[in-house]
Amino acid sequence: MESKEKNTKEKILEEALKLFAQSGYMGTSMNDIASKLGVTKAALYKHYKSKQEILDSIIEKMKELDIERAKQYEMPEAYMMIGYL
């Protein structure tokens, strides 16, 4: 994946997370996310096919961060996966 595309996808996830936290998943539309980013809805769909895919990507990123932190603090592997069973 190109660096520019990766940065765009990361920005989408960051803004979507903020909107989900503020208005909830159901209260946030793809239009809301696109507006916050200053892009068209079509441009948003170029990177993610649905709002669910955005949420799934956010969850996957959080999971990866949790695993990294657990390893950093030398937590047993069983503790790292508890929230993802």
Protein backbone atom coordinates (compact mmCIF):
# COMPACT_ATOMS: atom_id res chain seq x y z
CA MET A 1 0.00 0.00 0.00
CA GLU A 2 1.31 3.42 -0.90
CA SER A 3 2.34 5.70 1.94
CA LYS A 4 -0.14 8.42 0.92
CA GLU A 5 -3.00 5.91 0.77
CA LYS A 6 -1.97 4.48 4.14
CA ASN A 7 -1.96 7.96 5.66
CA THR A 8 -5.40 8.65 4.19
CA LYS A 9 -6.77 5.41 5.59
CA GLU A 10 -5.30 6.24 9.00
CA LYS A 11 -6.90 9.70 8.93
CA ILE A 12 -10.25 8.13 8.05
CA LEU A 13 -9.97 5.76 11.02
CA GLU A 14 -8.99 8.57 13.39
CA GLU A 15 -11.88 10.82 12.38
CA ALA A 16 -14.37 7.96 12.30
CA LEU A 17 -13.33 6.92 15.82
CA LYS A 18 -13.87 10.47 17.07
CA LEU A 19 -17.31 10.61 15.46
CA PHE A 20 -18.27 7.14 16.76
CA ALA A 21 -17.23 8.23 20.27
CA GLN A 22 -19.23 11.44 19.98
CA SER A 23 -22.39 10.27 18.20
CA GLY A 24 -22.20 6.49 18.40
CA TYR A 25 -21.80 4.06 15.53
CA MET A 26 -25.47 4.23 14.54
CA GLY A 27 -25.50 8.02 14.85
CA THR A 28 -22.57 8.45 12.45
CA SER A 29 -22.99 8.19 8.69
CA MET A 30 -20.48 7.83 5.90
CA ASN A 31 -21.51 11.39 4.94
CA ASP A 32 -20.55 12.58 8.43
CA ILE A 33 -17.12 10.96 8.14
CA ALA A 34 -16.56 12.34 4.64
CA SER A 35 -17.62 15.85 5.72
CA LYS A 36 -15.28 15.80 8.71
CA LEU A 37 -12.41 14.85 6.40
CA GLY A 38 -13.38 17.40 3.74
CA VAL A 39 -13.79 14.75 1.04
CA THR A 40 -16.69 13.35 -0.93
CA LYS A 41 -18.48 10.20 0.10
CA ALA A 42 -17.23 8.61 -3.14
CA ALA A 43 -13.64 9.36 -2.10
CA LEU A 44 -14.31 7.70 1.25
CA TYR A 45 -15.69 4.59 -0.47
CA LYS A 46 -12.47 4.39 -2.49
CA HIS A 47 -10.70 3.43 0.75
CA TYR A 48 -13.42 1.58 2.70
CA LYS A 49 -16.43 -0.19 1.23
CA SER A 50 -18.66 0.40 4.26
CA LYS A 51 -18.97 1.95 7.70
CA GLN A 52 -18.74 -1.59 9.10
CA GLU A 53 -15.37 -2.07 7.40
CA ILE A 54 -14.17 1.16 9.04
CA LEU A 55 -15.32 -0.08 12.45
CA ASP A 56 -13.70 -3.48 11.87
CA SER A 57 -10.43 -1.74 10.96
CA ILE A 58 -10.59 0.39 14.12
CA ILE A 59 -11.14 -2.72 16.25
CA GLU A 60 -8.26 -4.55 14.53
CA LYS A 61 -5.94 -1.57 15.09
CA MET A 62 -6.92 -1.43 18.79
CA LYS A 63 -6.29 -5.15 19.10
CA GLU A 64 -2.81 -4.75 17.59
CA LEU A 65 -2.04 -1.88 19.97
CA ASP A 66 -3.23 -3.93 22.96
CA ILE A 67 -0.99 -6.84 21.96
CA GLU A 68 2.01 -4.50 21.54
CA ARG A 69 1.40 -2.97 24.97
CA ALA A 70 0.97 -6.36 26.59
CA LYS A 71 4.28 -7.52 25.11
CA GLN A 72 5.95 -4.30 26.24
CA TYR A 73 4.86 -4.99 29.82
CA GLU A 74 5.64 -8.71 29.48
CA MET A 75 2.08 -9.79 30.23
CA PRO A 76 1.30 -13.48 29.71
CA GLU A 77 -0.20 -14.22 26.30
CA ALA A 78 -3.46 -15.44 27.86
CA TYR A 79 -4.17 -11.92 29.12
CA MET A 80 -3.55 -10.40 25.70
CA MET A 81 -6.36 -12.32 24.04
CA ILE A 82 -9.08 -12.14 26.74
CA GLY A 83 -10.91 -9.24 25.10
CA TYR A 84 -10.85 -10.82 21.66
CA LEU A 85 -12.31 -14.28 22.26
